[in-house]
PDB file of N, CA and C in Angstrom:
ATOM      1  N   MET A   1      -3.407 -10.797   0.419  1.00  0.00           N
ATOM      2  CA  MET A   1      -2.348  -9.846   0.724  1.00  0.00           C
ATOM      3  C   MET A   1      -1.655  -9.458  -0.581  1.00  0.00           C
ATOM      4  N   THR A   2      -1.506  -8.150  -0.766  1.00  0.00           N
ATOM      5  CA  THR A   2      -0.852  -7.667  -1.965  1.00  0.00           C
ATOM      6  C   THR A   2       0.667  -7.715  -1.766  1.00  0.00           C
ATOM      7  N   LYS A   3       1.356  -7.530  -2.877  1.00  0.00           N
ATOM      8  CA  LYS A   3       2.829  -7.543  -2.790  1.00  0.00           C
ATOM      9  C   LYS A   3       3.333  -6.380  -1.949  1.00  0.00           C
ATOM     10  N   GLU A   4       2.632  -5.258  -1.997  1.00  0.00           N
ATOM     11  CA  GLU A   4       2.994  -4.090  -1.209  1.00  0.00           C
ATOM     12  C   GLU A   4       2.770  -4.363   0.300  1.00  0.00           C
ATOM     13  N   GLU A   5       1.636  -4.996   0.631  1.00  0.00           N
ATOM     14  CA  GLU A   5       1.349  -5.331   2.006  1.00  0.00           C
ATOM     15  C   GLU A   5       2.357  -6.309   2.556  1.00  0.00           C
ATOM     16  N   PHE A   6       2.721  -7.278   1.739  1.00  0.00           N
ATOM     17  CA  PHE A   6       3.709  -8.268   2.174  1.00  0.00           C
ATOM     18  C   PHE A   6       5.029  -7.577   2.458  1.00  0.00           C
ATOM     19  N   LYS A   7       5.482  -6.737   1.557  1.00  0.00           N
ATOM     20  CA  LYS A   7       6.759  -6.036   1.748  1.00  0.00           C
ATOM     21  C   LYS A   7       6.719  -5.138   2.978  1.00  0.00           C
ATOM     22  N   GLU A   8       5.614  -4.427   3.174  1.00  0.00           N
ATOM     23  CA  GLU A   8       5.443  -3.574   4.320  1.00  0.00           C
ATOM     24  C   GLU A   8       5.502  -4.375   5.627  1.00  0.00           C
ATOM     25  N   ALA A   9       4.826  -5.511   5.623  1.00  0.00           N
ATOM     26  CA  ALA A   9       4.835  -6.379   6.819  1.00  0.00           C
ATOM     27  C   ALA A   9       6.260  -6.879   7.114  1.00  0.00           C
ATOM     28  N   ARG A  10       6.956  -7.321   6.076  1.00  0.00           N
ATOM     29  CA  ARG A  10       8.324  -7.795   6.259  1.00  0.00           C
ATOM     30  C   ARG A  10       9.209  -6.714   6.816  1.00  0.00           C
ATOM     31  N   ASN A  11       9.075  -5.529   6.274  1.00  0.00           N
ATOM     32  CA  ASN A  11       9.885  -4.386   6.782  1.00  0.00           C
ATOM     33  C   ASN A  11       9.509  -4.027   8.187  1.00  0.00           C
ATOM     34  N   ALA A  12       8.234  -4.087   8.541  1.00  0.00           N
ATOM     35  CA  ALA A  12       7.774  -3.787   9.910  1.00  0.00           C
ATOM     36  C   ALA A  12       8.348  -4.780  10.886  1.00  0.00           C
ATOM     37  N   LEU A  13       8.561  -6.002  10.461  1.00  0.00           N
ATOM     38  CA  LEU A  13       9.166  -7.027  11.289  1.00  0.00           C
ATOM     39  C   LEU A  13      10.675  -6.865  11.396  1.00  0.00           C
ATOM     40  N   GLY A  14      11.251  -6.059  10.507  1.00  0.00           N
ATOM     41  CA  GLY A  14      12.707  -5.805  10.555  1.00  0.00           C
ATOM     42  C   GLY A  14      13.540  -6.833   9.857  1.00  0.00           C
ATOM     43  N   TYR A  15      12.964  -7.558   8.890  1.00  0.00           N
ATOM     44  CA  TYR A  15      13.695  -8.584   8.164  1.00  0.00           C
ATOM     45  C   TYR A  15      13.978  -8.152   6.747  1.00  0.00           C
ATOM     46  N   THR A  16      15.174  -8.540   6.280  1.00  0.00           N
ATOM     47  CA  THR A  16      15.449  -8.379   4.865  1.00  0.00           C
ATOM     48  C   THR A  16      14.819  -9.578   4.176  1.00  0.00           C
ATOM     49  N   GLN A  17      14.784  -9.560   2.852  1.00  0.00           N
ATOM     50  CA  GLN A  17      14.272 -10.727   2.127  1.00  0.00           C
ATOM     51  C   GLN A  17      15.099 -11.958   2.470  1.00  0.00           C
ATOM     52  N   ALA A  18      16.391 -11.817   2.472  1.00  0.00           N
ATOM     53  CA  ALA A  18      17.276 -12.951   2.736  1.00  0.00           C
ATOM     54  C   ALA A  18      17.118 -13.490   4.133  1.00  0.00           C
ATOM     55  N   THR A  19      17.005 -12.621   5.129  1.00  0.00           N
ATOM     56  CA  THR A  19      16.922 -13.114   6.529  1.00  0.00           C
ATOM     57  C   THR A  19      15.571 -13.767   6.775  1.00  0.00           C
ATOM     58  N   LEU A  20      14.514 -13.276   6.168  1.00  0.00           N
ATOM     59  CA  LEU A  20      13.197 -13.891   6.342  1.00  0.00           C
ATOM     60  C   LEU A  20      13.229 -15.284   5.693  1.00  0.00           C
ATOM     61  N   ALA A  21      13.803 -15.372   4.512  1.00  0.00           N
ATOM     62  CA  ALA A  21      13.912 -16.655   3.833  1.00  0.00           C
ATOM     63  C   ALA A  21      14.694 -17.649   4.647  1.00  0.00           C
ATOM     64  N   GLU A  22      15.787 -17.197   5.290  1.00  0.00           N
ATOM     65  CA  GLU A  22      16.617 -18.048   6.122  1.00  0.00           C
ATOM     66  C   GLU A  22      15.810 -18.469   7.360  1.00  0.00           C
ATOM     67  N   LEU A  23      15.097 -17.566   7.994  1.00  0.00           N
ATOM     68  CA  LEU A  23      14.286 -17.873   9.145  1.00  0.00           C
ATOM     69  C   LEU A  23      13.262 -18.935   8.836  1.00  0.00           C
ATOM     70  N   TRP A  24      12.688 -18.863   7.663  1.00  0.00           N
ATOM     71  CA  TRP A  24      11.644 -19.804   7.257  1.00  0.00           C
ATOM     72  C   TRP A  24      12.231 -21.102   6.634  1.00  0.00           C
ATOM     73  N   GLY A  25      13.554 -21.185   6.534  1.00  0.00           N
ATOM     74  CA  GLY A  25      14.183 -22.410   6.012  1.00  0.00           C
ATOM     75  C   GLY A  25      13.878 -22.614   4.546  1.00  0.00           C
ATOM     76  N   MET A  26      13.902 -21.558   3.751  1.00  0.00           N
ATOM     77  CA  MET A  26      13.503 -21.616   2.345  1.00  0.00           C
ATOM     78  C   MET A  26      14.666 -22.054   1.435  1.00  0.00           C
ATOM     79  N   GLY A  27      15.847 -22.276   1.974  1.00  0.00           N
ATOM     80  CA  GLY A  27      16.967 -22.708   1.162  1.00  0.00           C
ATOM     81  C   GLY A  27      17.691 -21.575   0.470  1.00  0.00           C
ATOM     82  N   LYS A  28      18.651 -21.956  -0.394  1.00  0.00           N
ATOM     83  CA  LYS A  28      19.523 -20.968  -1.068  1.00  0.00           C
ATOM     84  C   LYS A  28      18.784 -19.918  -1.866  1.00  0.00           C
ATOM     85  N   GLN A  29      17.712 -20.331  -2.524  1.00  0.00           N
ATOM     86  CA  GLN A  29      16.977 -19.432  -3.408  1.00  0.00           C
ATOM     87  C   GLN A  29      15.771 -18.761  -2.722  1.00  0.00           C
ATOM     88  N   GLY A  30      15.673 -18.903  -1.421  1.00  0.00           N
ATOM     89  CA  GLY A  30      14.535 -18.333  -0.702  1.00  0.00           C
ATOM     90  C   GLY A  30      14.416 -16.830  -0.819  1.00  0.00           C
ATOM     91  N   GLY A  31      15.541 -16.129  -0.716  1.00  0.00           N
ATOM     92  CA  GLY A  31      15.515 -14.673  -0.873  1.00  0.00           C
ATOM     93  C   GLY A  31      15.040 -14.273  -2.251  1.00  0.00           C
ATOM     94  N   ARG A  32      15.431 -15.039  -3.234  1.00  0.00           N
ATOM     95  CA  ARG A  32      14.990 -14.759  -4.618  1.00  0.00           C
ATOM     96  C   ARG A  32      13.471 -14.947  -4.729  1.00  0.00           C
ATOM     97  N   SER A  33      12.945 -15.977  -4.089  1.00  0.00           N
ATOM     98  CA  SER A  33      11.484 -16.210  -4.114  1.00  0.00           C
ATOM     99  C   SER A  33      10.751 -15.045  -3.504  1.00  0.00           C
ATOM    100  N   ILE A  34      11.209 -14.566  -2.378  1.00  0.00           N
ATOM    101  CA  ILE A  34      10.555 -13.415  -1.726  1.00  0.00           C
ATOM    102  C   ILE A  34      10.680 -12.183  -2.615  1.00  0.00           C
ATOM    103  N   ARG A  35      11.828 -11.990  -3.221  1.00  0.00           N
ATOM    104  CA  ARG A  35      12.022 -10.864  -4.143  1.00  0.00           C
ATOM    105  C   ARG A  35      10.993 -10.931  -5.284  1.00  0.00           C
ATOM    106  N   ARG A  36      10.796 -12.119  -5.819  1.00  0.00           N
ATOM    107  CA  ARG A  36       9.833 -12.308  -6.926  1.00  0.00           C
ATOM    108  C   ARG A  36       8.398 -12.087  -6.475  1.00  0.00           C
ATOM    109  N   TRP A  37       8.065 -12.496  -5.240  1.00  0.00           N
ATOM    110  CA  TRP A  37       6.709 -12.204  -4.705  1.00  0.00           C
ATOM    111  C   TRP A  37       6.491 -10.697  -4.618  1.00  0.00           C
ATOM    112  N   GLU A  38       7.459 -10.002  -4.070  1.00  0.00           N
ATOM    113  CA  GLU A  38       7.323  -8.560  -3.840  1.00  0.00           C
ATOM    114  C   GLU A  38       7.364  -7.765  -5.139  1.00  0.00           C
ATOM    115  N   ALA A  39       7.984  -8.327  -6.182  1.00  0.00           N
ATOM    116  CA  ALA A  39       7.996  -7.666  -7.478  1.00  0.00           C
ATOM    117  C   ALA A  39       6.721  -7.948  -8.275  1.00  0.00           C
ATOM    118  N   GLY A  40       5.946  -8.892  -7.817  1.00  0.00           N
ATOM    119  CA  GLY A  40       4.724  -9.295  -8.521  1.00  0.00           C
ATOM    120  C   GLY A  40       4.988 -10.233  -9.682  1.00  0.00           C
ATOM    121  N   GLU A  41       6.165 -10.817  -9.717  1.00  0.00           N
ATOM    122  CA  GLU A  41       6.473 -11.735 -10.803  1.00  0.00           C
ATOM    123  C   GLU A  41       5.759 -13.071 -10.678  1.00  0.00           C
ATOM    124  N   VAL A  42       5.553 -13.466  -9.430  1.00  0.00           N
ATOM    125  CA  VAL A  42       4.782 -14.711  -9.133  1.00  0.00           C
ATOM    126  C   VAL A  42       3.872 -14.437  -7.943  1.00  0.00           C
ATOM    127  N   PRO A  43       2.766 -15.192  -7.853  1.00  0.00           N
ATOM    128  CA  PRO A  43       1.891 -15.000  -6.703  1.00  0.00           C
ATOM    129  C   PRO A  43       2.585 -15.327  -5.382  1.00  0.00           C
ATOM    130  N   ILE A  44       2.213 -14.589  -4.355  1.00  0.00           N
ATOM    131  CA  ILE A  44       2.789 -14.863  -3.039  1.00  0.00           C
ATOM    132  C   ILE A  44       2.172 -16.139  -2.509  1.00  0.00           C
ATOM    133  N   CYS A  45       2.994 -16.988  -1.942  1.00  0.00           N
ATOM    134  CA  CYS A  45       2.524 -18.241  -1.360  1.00  0.00           C
ATOM    135  C   CYS A  45       1.533 -17.921  -0.232  1.00  0.00           C
ATOM    136  N   PRO A  46       0.332 -18.530  -0.266  1.00  0.00           N
ATOM    137  CA  PRO A  46      -0.631 -18.265   0.775  1.00  0.00           C
ATOM    138  C   PRO A  46      -0.130 -18.555   2.205  1.00  0.00           C
ATOM    139  N   ARG A  47       0.692 -19.561   2.315  1.00  0.00           N
ATOM    140  CA  ARG A  47       1.255 -19.876   3.654  1.00  0.00           C
ATOM    141  C   ARG A  47       2.167 -18.763   4.133  1.00  0.00           C
ATOM    142  N   ALA A  48       2.895 -18.149   3.222  1.00  0.00           N
ATOM    143  CA  ALA A  48       3.775 -17.044   3.599  1.00  0.00           C
ATOM    144  C   ALA A  48       2.962 -15.855   4.070  1.00  0.00           C
ATOM    145  N   CYS A  49       1.837 -15.614   3.415  1.00  0.00           N
ATOM    146  CA  CYS A  49       0.940 -14.510   3.842  1.00  0.00           C
ATOM    147  C   CYS A  49       0.437 -14.768   5.242  1.00  0.00           C
ATOM    148  N   TYR A  50      -0.003 -15.998   5.478  1.00  0.00           N
ATOM    149  CA  TYR A  50      -0.522 -16.373   6.786  1.00  0.00           C
ATOM    150  C   TYR A  50       0.580 -16.212   7.844  1.00  0.00           C
ATOM    151  N   CYS A  51       1.756 -16.727   7.550  1.00  0.00           N
ATOM    152  CA  CYS A  51       2.878 -16.675   8.533  1.00  0.00           C
ATOM    153  C   CYS A  51       3.262 -15.219   8.871  1.00  0.00           C
ATOM    154  N   VAL A  52       3.365 -14.377   7.869  1.00  0.00           N
ATOM    155  CA  VAL A  52       3.785 -12.992   8.104  1.00  0.00           C
ATOM    156  C   VAL A  52       2.714 -12.267   8.918  1.00  0.00           C
ATOM    157  N   LYS A  53       1.451 -12.595   8.683  1.00  0.00           N
ATOM    158  CA  LYS A  53       0.349 -11.965   9.473  1.00  0.00           C
ATOM    159  C   LYS A  53       0.447 -12.394  10.941  1.00  0.00           C
ATOM    160  N   ILE A  54       0.699 -13.683  11.184  1.00  0.00           N
ATOM    161  CA  ILE A  54       0.845 -14.158  12.524  1.00  0.00           C
ATOM    162  C   ILE A  54       2.073 -13.533  13.214  1.00  0.00           C
ATOM    163  N   MET A  55       3.163 -13.434  12.499  1.00  0.00           N
ATOM    164  CA  MET A  55       4.380 -12.810  13.026  1.00  0.00           C
ATOM    165  C   MET A  55       4.111 -11.346  13.418  1.00  0.00           C
ATOM    166  N   LEU A  56       3.400 -10.642  12.581  1.00  0.00           N
ATOM    167  CA  LEU A  56       3.062  -9.245  12.913  1.00  0.00           C
ATOM    168  C   LEU A  56       2.183  -9.152  14.146  1.00  0.00           C
ATOM    169  N   LYS A  57       1.215 -10.012  14.209  1.00  0.00           N
ATOM    170  CA  LYS A  57       0.300 -10.030  15.350  1.00  0.00           C
ATOM    171  C   LYS A  57       1.073 -10.280  16.649  1.00  0.00           C
ATOM    172  N   LEU A  58       1.976 -11.268  16.630  1.00  0.00           N
ATOM    173  CA  LEU A  58       2.745 -11.602  17.816  1.00  0.00           C
ATOM    174  C   LEU A  58       3.719 -10.512  18.188  1.00  0.00           C
ATOM    175  N   SER A  59       4.225  -9.805  17.190  1.00  0.00           N
ATOM    176  CA  SER A  59       5.205  -8.738  17.448  1.00  0.00           C
ATOM    177  C   SER A  59       4.557  -7.534  18.107  1.00  0.00           C
ATOM    178  N   ARG A  60       3.253  -7.410  17.949  1.00  0.00           N
ATOM    179  CA  ARG A  60       2.513  -6.263  18.525  1.00  0.00           C
ATOM    180  C   ARG A  60       1.803  -6.606  19.809  1.00  0.00           C
ATOM    181  N   LYS A  61       1.990  -7.825  20.289  1.00  0.00           N
ATOM    182  CA  LYS A  61       1.361  -8.266  21.503  1.00  0.00           C
ATOM    183  C   LYS A  61       1.892  -7.499  22.699  1.00  0.00           C
ATOM    184  N   PRO A  62       1.040  -6.916  23.546  1.00  0.00           N
ATOM    185  CA  PRO A  62       1.518  -6.173  24.706  1.00  0.00           C
ATOM    186  C   PRO A  62       2.277  -7.112  25.666  1.00  0.00           C
ATOM    187  N   PRO A  63       3.274  -6.602  26.328  1.00  0.00           N
ATOM    188  CA  PRO A  63       4.018  -7.467  27.278  1.00  0.00           C
ATOM    189  C   PRO A  63       3.148  -7.817  28.492  1.00  0.00           C
ATOM    190  N   ASN A  64       3.435  -9.000  29.046  1.00  0.00           N
ATOM    191  CA  ASN A  64       2.746  -9.439  30.245  1.00  0.00           C
ATOM    192  C   ASN A  64       3.233  -8.631  31.440  1.00  0.00           C
ATOM    193  N   VAL A  65       2.275  -8.142  32.194  1.00  0.00           N
ATOM    194  CA  VAL A  65       2.650  -7.319  33.357  1.00  0.00           C
ATOM    195  C   VAL A  65       2.312  -8.062  34.614  1.00  0.00           C
TER     196      VAL A  65
END
């Protein structure tokens, strides 16, 4: 997942960097970590890529009728 894809996915889910970091329990500097991933300063954590993909998939799941 590229930095652009990660940012697009986060935005599609409706989370700011800070709220996603809080949701994931990343601590005080979590928002900074996400900012650095999206800026390309450091590689995106593979687990974060997996989690955001799962979150996107679940958010697009059709409702049970």
